[in-house]
């Protein structure tokens, strides 16, 4: 996250966008304007590690059929 001014914080909280969010922001919505750098999977930050799911799904299906 980048450093935010007091005015930016106040406006963001007043907008209600921080309500009900883990970490008080949603990177897929307007919260991305406060993110300075992202390492790894964007989808993991959003909340669902799609790449890992795709990797593990075949094994899970194989084990389920046994």
PDB file of N, CA and C in Angstrom:
ATOM      1  N   UNK A   1       0.852  -1.180   0.000  1.00  0.00           N
ATOM      2  CA  UNK A   1       0.000   0.000   0.000  1.00  0.00           C
ATOM      3  C   UNK A   1       0.894   1.238   0.000  1.00  0.00           C
ATOM      4  N   UNK A   2       0.420   2.250  -0.660  1.00  0.00           N
ATOM      5  CA  UNK A   2       1.181   3.505  -0.655  1.00  0.00           C
ATOM      6  C   UNK A   2       0.728   4.353   0.536  1.00  0.00           C
ATOM      7  N   UNK A   3       1.533   5.307   0.873  1.00  0.00           N
ATOM      8  CA  UNK A   3       1.173   6.223   1.944  1.00  0.00           C
ATOM      9  C   UNK A   3      -0.010   7.075   1.476  1.00  0.00           C
ATOM     10  N   UNK A   4      -1.006   7.197   2.330  1.00  0.00           N
ATOM     11  CA  UNK A   4      -2.211   7.961   1.996  1.00  0.00           C
ATOM     12  C   UNK A   4      -2.282   9.205   2.867  1.00  0.00           C
ATOM     13  N   UNK A   5      -2.806  10.261   2.307  1.00  0.00           N
ATOM     14  CA  UNK A   5      -2.983  11.481   3.081  1.00  0.00           C
ATOM     15  C   UNK A   5      -4.184  11.322   4.011  1.00  0.00           C
ATOM     16  N   UNK A   6      -4.245  12.135   5.023  1.00  0.00           N
ATOM     17  CA  UNK A   6      -5.379  12.110   5.949  1.00  0.00           C
ATOM     18  C   UNK A   6      -6.682  12.375   5.202  1.00  0.00           C
ATOM     19  N   UNK A   7      -6.631  13.259   4.219  1.00  0.00           N
ATOM     20  CA  UNK A   7      -7.824  13.577   3.437  1.00  0.00           C
ATOM     21  C   UNK A   7      -8.290  12.368   2.618  1.00  0.00           C
ATOM     22  N   UNK A   8      -7.349  11.649   2.028  1.00  0.00           N
ATOM     23  CA  UNK A   8      -7.705  10.456   1.267  1.00  0.00           C
ATOM     24  C   UNK A   8      -8.339   9.392   2.170  1.00  0.00           C
ATOM     25  N   UNK A   9      -7.775   9.212   3.332  1.00  0.00           N
ATOM     26  CA  UNK A   9      -8.310   8.224   4.277  1.00  0.00           C
ATOM     27  C   UNK A   9      -9.713   8.610   4.708  1.00  0.00           C
ATOM     28  N   UNK A  10      -9.893   9.845   5.070  1.00  0.00           N
ATOM     29  CA  UNK A  10     -11.216  10.316   5.499  1.00  0.00           C
ATOM     30  C   UNK A  10     -12.250  10.146   4.379  1.00  0.00           C
ATOM     31  N   UNK A  11     -11.887  10.508   3.166  1.00  0.00           N
ATOM     32  CA  UNK A  11     -12.818  10.394   2.045  1.00  0.00           C
ATOM     33  C   UNK A  11     -13.143   8.929   1.750  1.00  0.00           C
ATOM     34  N   UNK A  12     -12.140   8.071   1.830  1.00  0.00           N
ATOM     35  CA  UNK A  12     -12.355   6.656   1.556  1.00  0.00           C
ATOM     36  C   UNK A  12     -13.268   6.033   2.609  1.00  0.00           C
ATOM     37  N   UNK A  13     -13.029   6.319   3.866  1.00  0.00           N
ATOM     38  CA  UNK A  13     -13.876   5.781   4.933  1.00  0.00           C
ATOM     39  C   UNK A  13     -15.292   6.336   4.812  1.00  0.00           C
ATOM     40  N   UNK A  14     -15.419   7.621   4.539  1.00  0.00           N
ATOM     41  CA  UNK A  14     -16.739   8.243   4.400  1.00  0.00           C
ATOM     42  C   UNK A  14     -17.520   7.667   3.221  1.00  0.00           C
ATOM     43  N   UNK A  15     -16.812   7.183   2.197  1.00  0.00           N
ATOM     44  CA  UNK A  15     -17.488   6.627   1.017  1.00  0.00           C
ATOM     45  C   UNK A  15     -18.172   5.294   1.316  1.00  0.00           C
ATOM     46  N   UNK A  16     -17.786   4.638   2.392  1.00  0.00           N
ATOM     47  CA  UNK A  16     -18.358   3.347   2.743  1.00  0.00           C
ATOM     48  C   UNK A  16     -17.718   2.170   2.027  1.00  0.00           C
ATOM     49  N   UNK A  17     -16.759   2.439   1.145  1.00  0.00           N
ATOM     50  CA  UNK A  17     -16.118   1.361   0.391  1.00  0.00           C
ATOM     51  C   UNK A  17     -15.302   0.424   1.269  1.00  0.00           C
ATOM     52  N   UNK A  18     -14.910   0.887   2.433  1.00  0.00           N
ATOM     53  CA  UNK A  18     -14.106   0.044   3.330  1.00  0.00           C
ATOM     54  C   UNK A  18     -14.970  -0.899   4.160  1.00  0.00           C
ATOM     55  N   UNK A  19     -16.256  -0.663   4.188  1.00  0.00           N
ATOM     56  CA  UNK A  19     -17.153  -1.471   5.019  1.00  0.00           C
ATOM     57  C   UNK A  19     -17.218  -2.918   4.536  1.00  0.00           C
ATOM     58  N   UNK A  20     -17.080  -3.840   5.479  1.00  0.00           N
ATOM     59  CA  UNK A  20     -17.237  -5.246   5.177  1.00  0.00           C
ATOM     60  C   UNK A  20     -16.134  -5.862   4.339  1.00  0.00           C
ATOM     61  N   UNK A  21     -14.987  -5.237   4.305  1.00  0.00           N
ATOM     62  CA  UNK A  21     -13.881  -5.735   3.500  1.00  0.00           C
ATOM     63  C   UNK A  21     -12.730  -6.171   4.407  1.00  0.00           C
ATOM     64  N   UNK A  22     -12.154  -7.316   4.117  1.00  0.00           N
ATOM     65  CA  UNK A  22     -10.953  -7.743   4.829  1.00  0.00           C
ATOM     66  C   UNK A  22      -9.839  -6.769   4.473  1.00  0.00           C
ATOM     67  N   UNK A  23      -9.235  -6.170   5.461  1.00  0.00           N
ATOM     68  CA  UNK A  23      -8.199  -5.179   5.195  1.00  0.00           C
ATOM     69  C   UNK A  23      -8.759  -3.823   4.815  1.00  0.00           C
ATOM     70  N   UNK A  24     -10.067  -3.693   4.800  1.00  0.00           N
ATOM     71  CA  UNK A  24     -10.786  -2.443   4.526  1.00  0.00           C
ATOM     72  C   UNK A  24     -10.639  -1.933   3.092  1.00  0.00           C
ATOM     73  N   UNK A  25     -10.262  -2.831   2.176  1.00  0.00           N
ATOM     74  CA  UNK A  25     -10.214  -2.423   0.767  1.00  0.00           C
ATOM     75  C   UNK A  25     -10.476  -3.627  -0.128  1.00  0.00           C
ATOM     76  N   UNK A  26     -10.894  -3.343  -1.337  1.00  0.00           N
ATOM     77  CA  UNK A  26     -11.068  -4.382  -2.348  1.00  0.00           C
ATOM     78  C   UNK A  26     -10.221  -3.977  -3.547  1.00  0.00           C
ATOM     79  N   UNK A  27      -9.191  -4.739  -3.794  1.00  0.00           N
ATOM     80  CA  UNK A  27      -8.262  -4.388  -4.874  1.00  0.00           C
ATOM     81  C   UNK A  27      -8.965  -4.395  -6.229  1.00  0.00           C
ATOM     82  N   UNK A  28     -10.012  -5.204  -6.366  1.00  0.00           N
ATOM     83  CA  UNK A  28     -10.724  -5.271  -7.642  1.00  0.00           C
ATOM     84  C   UNK A  28     -11.679  -4.102  -7.827  1.00  0.00           C
ATOM     85  N   UNK A  29     -11.876  -3.306  -6.798  1.00  0.00           N
ATOM     86  CA  UNK A  29     -12.735  -2.117  -6.899  1.00  0.00           C
ATOM     87  C   UNK A  29     -11.834  -0.881  -6.815  1.00  0.00           C
ATOM     88  N   UNK A  30     -12.320   0.166  -6.184  1.00  0.00           N
ATOM     89  CA  UNK A  30     -11.547   1.411  -6.108  1.00  0.00           C
ATOM     90  C   UNK A  30     -10.336   1.336  -5.193  1.00  0.00           C
ATOM     91  N   UNK A  31     -10.224   0.276  -4.388  1.00  0.00           N
ATOM     92  CA  UNK A  31      -9.090   0.149  -3.479  1.00  0.00           C
ATOM     93  C   UNK A  31      -7.763  -0.004  -4.185  1.00  0.00           C
ATOM     94  N   UNK A  32      -7.795  -0.340  -5.473  1.00  0.00           N
ATOM     95  CA  UNK A  32      -6.542  -0.529  -6.196  1.00  0.00           C
ATOM     96  C   UNK A  32      -5.734   0.757  -6.345  1.00  0.00           C
ATOM     97  N   UNK A  33      -6.376   1.891  -6.217  1.00  0.00           N
ATOM     98  CA  UNK A  33      -5.633   3.151  -6.373  1.00  0.00           C
ATOM     99  C   UNK A  33      -4.678   3.400  -5.208  1.00  0.00           C
ATOM    100  N   UNK A  34      -4.813   2.626  -4.138  1.00  0.00           N
ATOM    101  CA  UNK A  34      -3.923   2.765  -2.984  1.00  0.00           C
ATOM    102  C   UNK A  34      -2.819   1.711  -2.980  1.00  0.00           C
ATOM    103  N   UNK A  35      -2.866   0.780  -3.908  1.00  0.00           N
ATOM    104  CA  UNK A  35      -1.881  -0.297  -3.972  1.00  0.00           C
ATOM    105  C   UNK A  35      -0.695   0.168  -4.807  1.00  0.00           C
ATOM    106  N   UNK A  36       0.466   0.126  -4.195  1.00  0.00           N
ATOM    107  CA  UNK A  36       1.672   0.555  -4.884  1.00  0.00           C
ATOM    108  C   UNK A  36       2.324  -0.594  -5.644  1.00  0.00           C
ATOM    109  N   UNK A  37       2.238  -1.801  -5.078  1.00  0.00           N
ATOM    110  CA  UNK A  37       2.917  -2.937  -5.679  1.00  0.00           C
ATOM    111  C   UNK A  37       2.177  -4.216  -5.308  1.00  0.00           C
ATOM    112  N   UNK A  38       2.099  -5.128  -6.250  1.00  0.00           N
ATOM    113  CA  UNK A  38       1.465  -6.420  -6.024  1.00  0.00           C
ATOM    114  C   UNK A  38       2.455  -7.504  -6.417  1.00  0.00           C
ATOM    115  N   UNK A  39       2.698  -8.432  -5.506  1.00  0.00           N
ATOM    116  CA  UNK A  39       3.556  -9.576  -5.799  1.00  0.00           C
ATOM    117  C   UNK A  39       2.698 -10.824  -5.748  1.00  0.00           C
ATOM    118  N   UNK A  40       2.811 -11.663  -6.738  1.00  0.00           N
ATOM    119  CA  UNK A  40       2.038 -12.892  -6.758  1.00  0.00           C
ATOM    120  C   UNK A  40       0.756 -12.735  -7.549  1.00  0.00           C
ATOM    121  N   UNK A  41      -0.202 -13.548  -7.190  1.00  0.00           N
ATOM    122  CA  UNK A  41      -1.444 -13.647  -7.947  1.00  0.00           C
ATOM    123  C   UNK A  41      -2.464 -12.575  -7.561  1.00  0.00           C
ATOM    124  N   UNK A  42      -2.937 -11.819  -8.535  1.00  0.00           N
ATOM    125  CA  UNK A  42      -4.013 -10.857  -8.308  1.00  0.00           C
ATOM    126  C   UNK A  42      -5.250 -11.576  -7.783  1.00  0.00           C
ATOM    127  N   UNK A  43      -5.556 -12.740  -8.356  1.00  0.00           N
ATOM    128  CA  UNK A  43      -6.746 -13.485  -7.936  1.00  0.00           C
ATOM    129  C   UNK A  43      -6.641 -13.962  -6.497  1.00  0.00           C
ATOM    130  N   UNK A  44      -5.449 -14.237  -6.029  1.00  0.00           N
ATOM    131  CA  UNK A  44      -5.264 -14.625  -4.640  1.00  0.00           C
ATOM    132  C   UNK A  44      -5.582 -13.448  -3.719  1.00  0.00           C
ATOM    133  N   UNK A  45      -5.192 -12.258  -4.114  1.00  0.00           N
ATOM    134  CA  UNK A  45      -5.495 -11.063  -3.333  1.00  0.00           C
ATOM    135  C   UNK A  45      -6.999 -10.816  -3.311  1.00  0.00           C
ATOM    136  N   UNK A  46      -7.650 -11.026  -4.432  1.00  0.00           N
ATOM    137  CA  UNK A  46      -9.100 -10.850  -4.519  1.00  0.00           C
ATOM    138  C   UNK A  46      -9.802 -11.834  -3.586  1.00  0.00           C
ATOM    139  N   UNK A  47      -9.248 -13.021  -3.443  1.00  0.00           N
ATOM    140  CA  UNK A  47      -9.816 -13.953  -2.484  1.00  0.00           C
ATOM    141  C   UNK A  47      -9.996 -15.381  -2.956  1.00  0.00           C
ATOM    142  N   UNK A  48      -9.628 -15.673  -4.200  1.00  0.00           N
ATOM    143  CA  UNK A  48      -9.726 -17.050  -4.662  1.00  0.00           C
ATOM    144  C   UNK A  48      -8.495 -17.398  -5.483  1.00  0.00           C
ATOM    145  N   UNK A  49      -7.654 -18.285  -4.975  1.00  0.00           N
ATOM    146  CA  UNK A  49      -6.418 -18.635  -5.683  1.00  0.00           C
ATOM    147  C   UNK A  49      -6.681 -19.556  -6.863  1.00  0.00           C
ATOM    148  N   UNK A  50      -7.146 -18.992  -7.953  1.00  0.00           N
ATOM    149  CA  UNK A  50      -7.558 -19.766  -9.122  1.00  0.00           C
ATOM    150  C   UNK A  50      -6.434 -20.644  -9.663  1.00  0.00           C
ATOM    151  N   UNK A  51      -5.224 -20.119  -9.710  1.00  0.00           N
ATOM    152  CA  UNK A  51      -4.113 -20.906 -10.242  1.00  0.00           C
ATOM    153  C   UNK A  51      -3.892 -22.163  -9.406  1.00  0.00           C
ATOM    154  N   UNK A  52      -3.925 -22.030  -8.083  1.00  0.00           N
ATOM    155  CA  UNK A  52      -3.758 -23.184  -7.201  1.00  0.00           C
ATOM    156  C   UNK A  52      -4.930 -24.144  -7.344  1.00  0.00           C
ATOM    157  N   UNK A  53      -6.129 -23.616  -7.462  1.00  0.00           N
ATOM    158  CA  UNK A  53      -7.320 -24.447  -7.653  1.00  0.00           C
ATOM    159  C   UNK A  53      -7.185 -25.292  -8.912  1.00  0.00           C
ATOM    160  N   UNK A  54      -6.774 -24.661 -10.004  1.00  0.00           N
ATOM    161  CA  UNK A  54      -6.611 -25.390 -11.267  1.00  0.00           C
ATOM    162  C   UNK A  54      -5.542 -26.469 -11.152  1.00  0.00           C
ATOM    163  N   UNK A  55      -4.526 -26.202 -10.372  1.00  0.00           N
ATOM    164  CA  UNK A  55      -3.454 -27.178 -10.181  1.00  0.00           C
ATOM    165  C   UNK A  55      -3.928 -28.373  -9.350  1.00  0.00           C
ATOM    166  N   UNK A  56      -4.724 -28.121  -8.321  1.00  0.00           N
ATOM    167  CA  UNK A  56      -5.132 -29.173  -7.397  1.00  0.00           C
ATOM    168  C   UNK A  56      -6.400 -29.924  -7.832  1.00  0.00           C
ATOM    169  N   UNK A  57      -7.202 -29.326  -8.688  1.00  0.00           N
ATOM    170  CA  UNK A  57      -8.480 -29.930  -9.082  1.00  0.00           C
ATOM    171  C   UNK A  57      -8.343 -31.338  -9.673  1.00  0.00           C
ATOM    172  N   UNK A  58      -7.446 -31.580 -10.609  1.00  0.00           N
ATOM    173  CA  UNK A  58      -7.352 -32.941 -11.154  1.00  0.00           C
ATOM    174  C   UNK A  58      -7.065 -33.989 -10.075  1.00  0.00           C
ATOM    175  N   UNK A  59      -6.193 -33.680  -9.149  1.00  0.00           N
ATOM    176  CA  UNK A  59      -5.884 -34.627  -8.074  1.00  0.00           C
ATOM    177  C   UNK A  59      -7.095 -34.841  -7.179  1.00  0.00           C
ATOM    178  N   UNK A  60      -7.819 -33.778  -6.875  1.00  0.00           N
ATOM    179  CA  UNK A  60      -9.002 -33.890  -6.025  1.00  0.00           C
ATOM    180  C   UNK A  60     -10.068 -34.745  -6.704  1.00  0.00           C
ATOM    181  N   UNK A  61     -10.266 -34.557  -7.988  1.00  0.00           N
ATOM    182  CA  UNK A  61     -11.238 -35.352  -8.728  1.00  0.00           C
ATOM    183  C   UNK A  61     -10.826 -36.817  -8.792  1.00  0.00           C
ATOM    184  N   UNK A  62      -9.546 -37.057  -8.998  1.00  0.00           N
ATOM    185  CA  UNK A  62      -9.049 -38.436  -9.040  1.00  0.00           C
ATOM    186  C   UNK A  62      -9.261 -39.107  -7.686  1.00  0.00           C
ATOM    187  N   UNK A  63      -8.928 -38.430  -6.608  1.00  0.00           N
ATOM    188  CA  UNK A  63      -9.091 -38.997  -5.270  1.00  0.00           C
ATOM    189  C   UNK A  63     -10.562 -39.200  -4.930  1.00  0.00           C
ATOM    190  N   UNK A  64     -11.416 -38.316  -5.402  1.00  0.00           N
ATOM    191  CA  UNK A  64     -12.841 -38.401  -5.120  1.00  0.00           C
ATOM    192  C   UNK A  64     -13.461 -39.629  -5.761  1.00  0.00           C
ATOM    193  N   UNK A  65     -12.961 -39.979  -6.934  1.00  0.00           N
ATOM    194  CA  UNK A  65     -13.513 -41.131  -7.668  1.00  0.00           C
ATOM    195  C   UNK A  65     -13.121 -42.465  -7.060  1.00  0.00           C
ATOM    196  N   UNK A  66     -12.067 -42.489  -6.272  1.00  0.00           N
ATOM    197  CA  UNK A  66     -11.606 -43.768  -5.703  1.00  0.00           C
ATOM    198  C   UNK A  66     -12.539 -44.317  -4.690  1.00  0.00           C
TER     199      UNK A  66
END
